[in-house]
């Protein structure tokens, strides 16, 4: 079973986590409103009070809540929305490396059976040459949570390749 997306949040640099949530607030108001409604009771406050809270403080608390296993669906939706809105060229580059047809926004309708591990490695190497390793890691972990993917070979690479470890990247940037 691939690493769930809720496990990404505690390892994100705080500024990136805040930027992700601000981006979603700007581009998908319905999803952000759902997040407000889900988060408020977990924070022990009402939605209007949550809205009044400074965004940086609100989002720092959300990161803690999004780190919980029961938040997996919301976590995946927030991260995938942000990726599609802000990282299209990376999404397209990955799908192209695997030979998967996709739309301009980097979304595919169908996925093949698990490709060979060498194809994953080649595609990952290409992504890491072109994009920030933290963003590549977030994307690939989210990608491998799609019901039709969840490829065990990709998960092995994500867990073993030191370039794709969020904690190490976070420590390096500190």
C-alpha atoms as a PDB file:
ATOM      1  CA  UNK A   1       0.000   0.000   0.000  1.00  0.00           C
ATOM      2  CA  UNK A   2       1.504   3.350  -1.045  1.00  0.00           C
ATOM      3  CA  UNK A   3       2.363   5.991   1.533  1.00  0.00           C
ATOM      4  CA  UNK A   4      -0.802   8.018   2.241  1.00  0.00           C
ATOM      5  CA  UNK A   5      -0.913  11.744   1.517  1.00  0.00           C
ATOM      6  CA  UNK A   6      -1.773  12.704   5.100  1.00  0.00           C
ATOM      7  CA  UNK A   7       1.769  11.604   6.006  1.00  0.00           C
ATOM      8  CA  UNK A   8       3.178  14.356   3.757  1.00  0.00           C
ATOM      9  CA  UNK A   9       1.948  17.283   5.862  1.00  0.00           C
ATOM     10  CA  UNK A  10       4.193  16.972   8.943  1.00  0.00           C
ATOM     11  CA  UNK A  11       7.303  16.885   6.743  1.00  0.00           C
ATOM     12  CA  UNK A  12       6.487  19.895   4.577  1.00  0.00           C
ATOM     13  CA  UNK A  13       8.367  23.136   5.099  1.00  0.00           C
ATOM     14  CA  UNK A  14       5.834  25.340   6.953  1.00  0.00           C
ATOM     15  CA  UNK A  15       5.900  28.078   4.289  1.00  0.00           C
ATOM     16  CA  UNK A  16       5.132  25.573   1.523  1.00  0.00           C
ATOM     17  CA  UNK A  17       2.236  24.086   3.502  1.00  0.00           C
ATOM     18  CA  UNK A  18       0.810  27.580   4.000  1.00  0.00           C
ATOM     19  CA  UNK A  19       1.336  28.403   0.308  1.00  0.00           C
ATOM     20  CA  UNK A  20      -0.526  25.226  -0.707  1.00  0.00           C
ATOM     21  CA  UNK A  21      -3.513  26.109   1.461  1.00  0.00           C
ATOM     22  CA  UNK A  22      -3.561  29.735   0.271  1.00  0.00           C
ATOM     23  CA  UNK A  23      -3.440  28.552  -3.341  1.00  0.00           C
ATOM     24  CA  UNK A  24      -6.393  26.229  -2.789  1.00  0.00           C
ATOM     25  CA  UNK A  25      -8.297  29.041  -1.081  1.00  0.00           C
ATOM     26  CA  UNK A  26      -7.798  31.224  -4.187  1.00  0.00           C
ATOM     27  CA  UNK A  27      -8.463  28.614  -6.863  1.00  0.00           C
ATOM     28  CA  UNK A  28     -11.075  26.280  -5.349  1.00  0.00           C
ATOM     29  CA  UNK A  29     -13.330  28.124  -2.944  1.00  0.00           C
ATOM     30  CA  UNK A  30     -15.687  25.153  -2.609  1.00  0.00           C
ATOM     31  CA  UNK A  31     -12.877  22.828  -1.459  1.00  0.00           C
ATOM     32  CA  UNK A  32     -11.520  25.473   0.910  1.00  0.00           C
ATOM     33  CA  UNK A  33     -15.014  25.987   2.378  1.00  0.00           C
ATOM     34  CA  UNK A  34     -15.282  22.221   2.895  1.00  0.00           C
ATOM     35  CA  UNK A  35     -11.921  22.329   4.681  1.00  0.00           C
ATOM     36  CA  UNK A  36     -13.170  25.149   6.919  1.00  0.00           C
ATOM     37  CA  UNK A  37     -16.264  23.112   7.808  1.00  0.00           C
ATOM     38  CA  UNK A  38     -14.195  19.990   8.524  1.00  0.00           C
ATOM     39  CA  UNK A  39     -11.494  21.795  10.490  1.00  0.00           C
ATOM     40  CA  UNK A  40     -13.643  24.045  12.706  1.00  0.00           C
ATOM     41  CA  UNK A  41     -15.081  21.297  14.941  1.00  0.00           C
ATOM     42  CA  UNK A  42     -11.704  19.583  15.149  1.00  0.00           C
ATOM     43  CA  UNK A  43     -10.244  22.864  16.363  1.00  0.00           C
ATOM     44  CA  UNK A  44     -13.120  23.363  18.792  1.00  0.00           C
ATOM     45  CA  UNK A  45     -14.354  26.585  17.192  1.00  0.00           C
ATOM     46  CA  UNK A  46     -17.101  27.706  14.841  1.00  0.00           C
ATOM     47  CA  UNK A  47     -16.444  28.460  11.174  1.00  0.00           C
ATOM     48  CA  UNK A  48     -16.894  32.271  11.513  1.00  0.00           C
ATOM     49  CA  UNK A  49     -14.239  32.370  14.241  1.00  0.00           C
ATOM     50  CA  UNK A  50     -11.951  30.183  12.177  1.00  0.00           C
ATOM     51  CA  UNK A  51     -12.288  32.584   9.242  1.00  0.00           C
ATOM     52  CA  UNK A  52     -11.267  35.487  11.499  1.00  0.00           C
ATOM     53  CA  UNK A  53      -8.090  33.682  12.590  1.00  0.00           C
ATOM     54  CA  UNK A  54      -4.915  34.843  10.787  1.00  0.00           C
ATOM     55  CA  UNK A  55      -4.255  32.533   7.828  1.00  0.00           C
ATOM     56  CA  UNK A  56      -0.749  31.566   8.923  1.00  0.00           C
ATOM     57  CA  UNK A  57      -2.035  30.497  12.343  1.00  0.00           C
ATOM     58  CA  UNK A  58      -5.099  28.777  10.884  1.00  0.00           C
ATOM     59  CA  UNK A  59      -3.029  26.879   8.324  1.00  0.00           C
ATOM     60  CA  UNK A  60      -0.370  25.833  10.841  1.00  0.00           C
ATOM     61  CA  UNK A  61      -3.125  24.178  12.871  1.00  0.00           C
ATOM     62  CA  UNK A  62      -4.629  22.649   9.737  1.00  0.00           C
ATOM     63  CA  UNK A  63      -1.307  21.005   8.913  1.00  0.00           C
ATOM     64  CA  UNK A  64      -1.456  19.180  12.245  1.00  0.00           C
ATOM     65  CA  UNK A  65      -5.036  18.056  11.575  1.00  0.00           C
ATOM     66  CA  UNK A  66      -4.359  17.099   7.940  1.00  0.00           C
ATOM     67  CA  UNK A  67      -1.593  14.821   9.257  1.00  0.00           C
ATOM     68  CA  UNK A  68      -4.167  12.491  10.785  1.00  0.00           C
ATOM     69  CA  UNK A  69      -5.167   9.277   8.977  1.00  0.00           C
ATOM     70  CA  UNK A  70      -8.877  10.182   9.062  1.00  0.00           C
ATOM     71  CA  UNK A  71      -8.041  13.278   6.990  1.00  0.00           C
ATOM     72  CA  UNK A  72      -6.699  11.280   4.032  1.00  0.00           C
ATOM     73  CA  UNK A  73      -9.519  12.171   1.624  1.00  0.00           C
ATOM     74  CA  UNK A  74      -9.334  15.898   2.370  1.00  0.00           C
ATOM     75  CA  UNK A  75      -5.533  15.803   2.300  1.00  0.00           C
ATOM     76  CA  UNK A  76      -5.485  14.116  -1.116  1.00  0.00           C
ATOM     77  CA  UNK A  77      -8.048  16.570  -2.514  1.00  0.00           C
ATOM     78  CA  UNK A  78      -6.151  19.623  -1.270  1.00  0.00           C
ATOM     79  CA  UNK A  79      -2.779  18.406  -2.532  1.00  0.00           C
ATOM     80  CA  UNK A  80      -4.070  17.188  -5.899  1.00  0.00           C
ATOM     81  CA  UNK A  81      -5.999  20.425  -6.491  1.00  0.00           C
ATOM     82  CA  UNK A  82      -2.877  22.443  -5.712  1.00  0.00           C
ATOM     83  CA  UNK A  83      -0.726  20.263  -7.965  1.00  0.00           C
ATOM     84  CA  UNK A  84      -3.119  20.544 -10.915  1.00  0.00           C
ATOM     85  CA  UNK A  85      -3.417  24.313 -10.444  1.00  0.00           C
ATOM     86  CA  UNK A  86       0.273  25.078  -9.950  1.00  0.00           C
ATOM     87  CA  UNK A  87       2.459  22.216 -11.214  1.00  0.00           C
ATOM     88  CA  UNK A  88       1.007  21.271 -14.602  1.00  0.00           C
ATOM     89  CA  UNK A  89       4.327  21.109 -16.417  1.00  0.00           C
ATOM     90  CA  UNK A  90       5.638  18.595 -13.886  1.00  0.00           C
ATOM     91  CA  UNK A  91       2.479  16.490 -14.088  1.00  0.00           C
ATOM     92  CA  UNK A  92       2.678  16.443 -17.893  1.00  0.00           C
ATOM     93  CA  UNK A  93       6.400  15.619 -17.852  1.00  0.00           C
ATOM     94  CA  UNK A  94       5.799  12.612 -15.571  1.00  0.00           C
ATOM     95  CA  UNK A  95       2.919  11.248 -17.628  1.00  0.00           C
ATOM     96  CA  UNK A  96       4.908  11.793 -20.842  1.00  0.00           C
ATOM     97  CA  UNK A  97       7.847   9.851 -19.357  1.00  0.00           C
ATOM     98  CA  UNK A  98       5.502   6.916 -18.756  1.00  0.00           C
ATOM     99  CA  UNK A  99       3.788   7.238 -22.145  1.00  0.00           C
ATOM    100  CA  UNK A 100       0.415   7.965 -20.536  1.00  0.00           C
ATOM    101  CA  UNK A 101      -1.946  10.140 -22.616  1.00  0.00           C
ATOM    102  CA  UNK A 102      -3.247  13.155 -20.679  1.00  0.00           C
ATOM    103  CA  UNK A 103      -5.058  16.467 -20.878  1.00  0.00           C
ATOM    104  CA  UNK A 104      -3.273  19.834 -20.931  1.00  0.00           C
ATOM    105  CA  UNK A 105      -3.687  20.100 -17.147  1.00  0.00           C
ATOM    106  CA  UNK A 106      -1.650  16.939 -16.563  1.00  0.00           C
ATOM    107  CA  UNK A 107      -4.609  14.707 -15.732  1.00  0.00           C
ATOM    108  CA  UNK A 108      -5.108  11.280 -17.273  1.00  0.00           C
ATOM    109  CA  UNK A 109      -8.350   9.347 -17.617  1.00  0.00           C
ATOM    110  CA  UNK A 110      -6.811   5.883 -17.771  1.00  0.00           C
ATOM    111  CA  UNK A 111      -3.630   4.271 -16.546  1.00  0.00           C
ATOM    112  CA  UNK A 112      -1.753   1.224 -17.822  1.00  0.00           C
ATOM    113  CA  UNK A 113      -0.726  -1.701 -15.655  1.00  0.00           C
ATOM    114  CA  UNK A 114       2.354  -1.008 -13.561  1.00  0.00           C
ATOM    115  CA  UNK A 115       5.243   0.028 -15.824  1.00  0.00           C
ATOM    116  CA  UNK A 116       8.714  -1.436 -15.446  1.00  0.00           C
ATOM    117  CA  UNK A 117      10.770  -0.010 -12.551  1.00  0.00           C
ATOM    118  CA  UNK A 118      13.424   1.225 -15.004  1.00  0.00           C
ATOM    119  CA  UNK A 119      10.806   3.482 -16.623  1.00  0.00           C
ATOM    120  CA  UNK A 120       9.976   4.936 -13.191  1.00  0.00           C
ATOM    121  CA  UNK A 121      13.645   5.572 -12.450  1.00  0.00           C
ATOM    122  CA  UNK A 122      14.214   7.267 -15.809  1.00  0.00           C
ATOM    123  CA  UNK A 123      11.124   9.454 -15.343  1.00  0.00           C
ATOM    124  CA  UNK A 124      12.064  10.376 -11.774  1.00  0.00           C
ATOM    125  CA  UNK A 125      15.607  11.284 -12.810  1.00  0.00           C
ATOM    126  CA  UNK A 126      14.199  13.574 -15.513  1.00  0.00           C
ATOM    127  CA  UNK A 127      11.770  15.236 -13.079  1.00  0.00           C
ATOM    128  CA  UNK A 128      14.473  15.815 -10.497  1.00  0.00           C
ATOM    129  CA  UNK A 129      16.681  17.539 -13.076  1.00  0.00           C
ATOM    130  CA  UNK A 130      13.886  19.942 -13.950  1.00  0.00           C
ATOM    131  CA  UNK A 131      11.850  20.453 -10.751  1.00  0.00           C
ATOM    132  CA  UNK A 132      12.289  20.996  -7.005  1.00  0.00           C
ATOM    133  CA  UNK A 133      12.740  17.584  -5.297  1.00  0.00           C
ATOM    134  CA  UNK A 134      10.172  18.497  -2.616  1.00  0.00           C
ATOM    135  CA  UNK A 135       7.539  19.194  -5.282  1.00  0.00           C
ATOM    136  CA  UNK A 136       8.446  16.015  -7.176  1.00  0.00           C
ATOM    137  CA  UNK A 137       8.096  13.987  -3.981  1.00  0.00           C
ATOM    138  CA  UNK A 138       4.708  15.487  -3.130  1.00  0.00           C
ATOM    139  CA  UNK A 139       3.454  14.858  -6.646  1.00  0.00           C
ATOM    140  CA  UNK A 140       4.673  11.292  -6.968  1.00  0.00           C
ATOM    141  CA  UNK A 141       3.274  10.349  -3.580  1.00  0.00           C
ATOM    142  CA  UNK A 142      -0.095  11.843  -4.540  1.00  0.00           C
ATOM    143  CA  UNK A 143       0.064  10.249  -7.989  1.00  0.00           C
ATOM    144  CA  UNK A 144       0.592   6.821  -6.463  1.00  0.00           C
ATOM    145  CA  UNK A 145      -2.550   7.272  -4.348  1.00  0.00           C
ATOM    146  CA  UNK A 146      -4.776   7.353  -7.426  1.00  0.00           C
ATOM    147  CA  UNK A 147      -6.954   4.239  -7.312  1.00  0.00           C
ATOM    148  CA  UNK A 148      -5.764   3.042 -10.731  1.00  0.00           C
ATOM    149  CA  UNK A 149      -2.081   3.432  -9.916  1.00  0.00           C
ATOM    150  CA  UNK A 150      -0.899   2.460  -6.416  1.00  0.00           C
ATOM    151  CA  UNK A 151       2.063   0.784  -8.085  1.00  0.00           C
ATOM    152  CA  UNK A 152       4.223  -1.188  -5.667  1.00  0.00           C
ATOM    153  CA  UNK A 153       7.430  -0.587  -7.673  1.00  0.00           C
ATOM    154  CA  UNK A 154       6.907   3.172  -7.594  1.00  0.00           C
ATOM    155  CA  UNK A 155       6.225   3.021  -3.865  1.00  0.00           C
ATOM    156  CA  UNK A 156       9.486   1.125  -3.297  1.00  0.00           C
ATOM    157  CA  UNK A 157      11.388   3.859  -5.128  1.00  0.00           C
ATOM    158  CA  UNK A 158       9.576   6.608  -3.212  1.00  0.00           C
ATOM    159  CA  UNK A 159      10.524   4.972   0.076  1.00  0.00           C
ATOM    160  CA  UNK A 160      14.129   4.159  -0.814  1.00  0.00           C
ATOM    161  CA  UNK A 161      15.433   6.996  -3.014  1.00  0.00           C
ATOM    162  CA  UNK A 162      17.093   9.553  -0.692  1.00  0.00           C
ATOM    163  CA  UNK A 163      16.294  12.352  -3.174  1.00  0.00           C
ATOM    164  CA  UNK A 164      12.584  11.755  -2.538  1.00  0.00           C
ATOM    165  CA  UNK A 165      12.573  12.056   1.256  1.00  0.00           C
ATOM    166  CA  UNK A 166      10.718  15.119   2.532  1.00  0.00           C
ATOM    167  CA  UNK A 167      12.332  15.061   5.972  1.00  0.00           C
ATOM    168  CA  UNK A 168      15.831  15.162   4.486  1.00  0.00           C
ATOM    169  CA  UNK A 169      14.868  17.971   2.101  1.00  0.00           C
ATOM    170  CA  UNK A 170      13.233  19.899   4.917  1.00  0.00           C
ATOM    171  CA  UNK A 171      16.340  19.574   7.097  1.00  0.00           C
ATOM    172  CA  UNK A 172      18.596  20.626   4.214  1.00  0.00           C
ATOM    173  CA  UNK A 173      16.593  23.801   3.646  1.00  0.00           C
ATOM    174  CA  UNK A 174      16.528  24.710   7.351  1.00  0.00           C
END
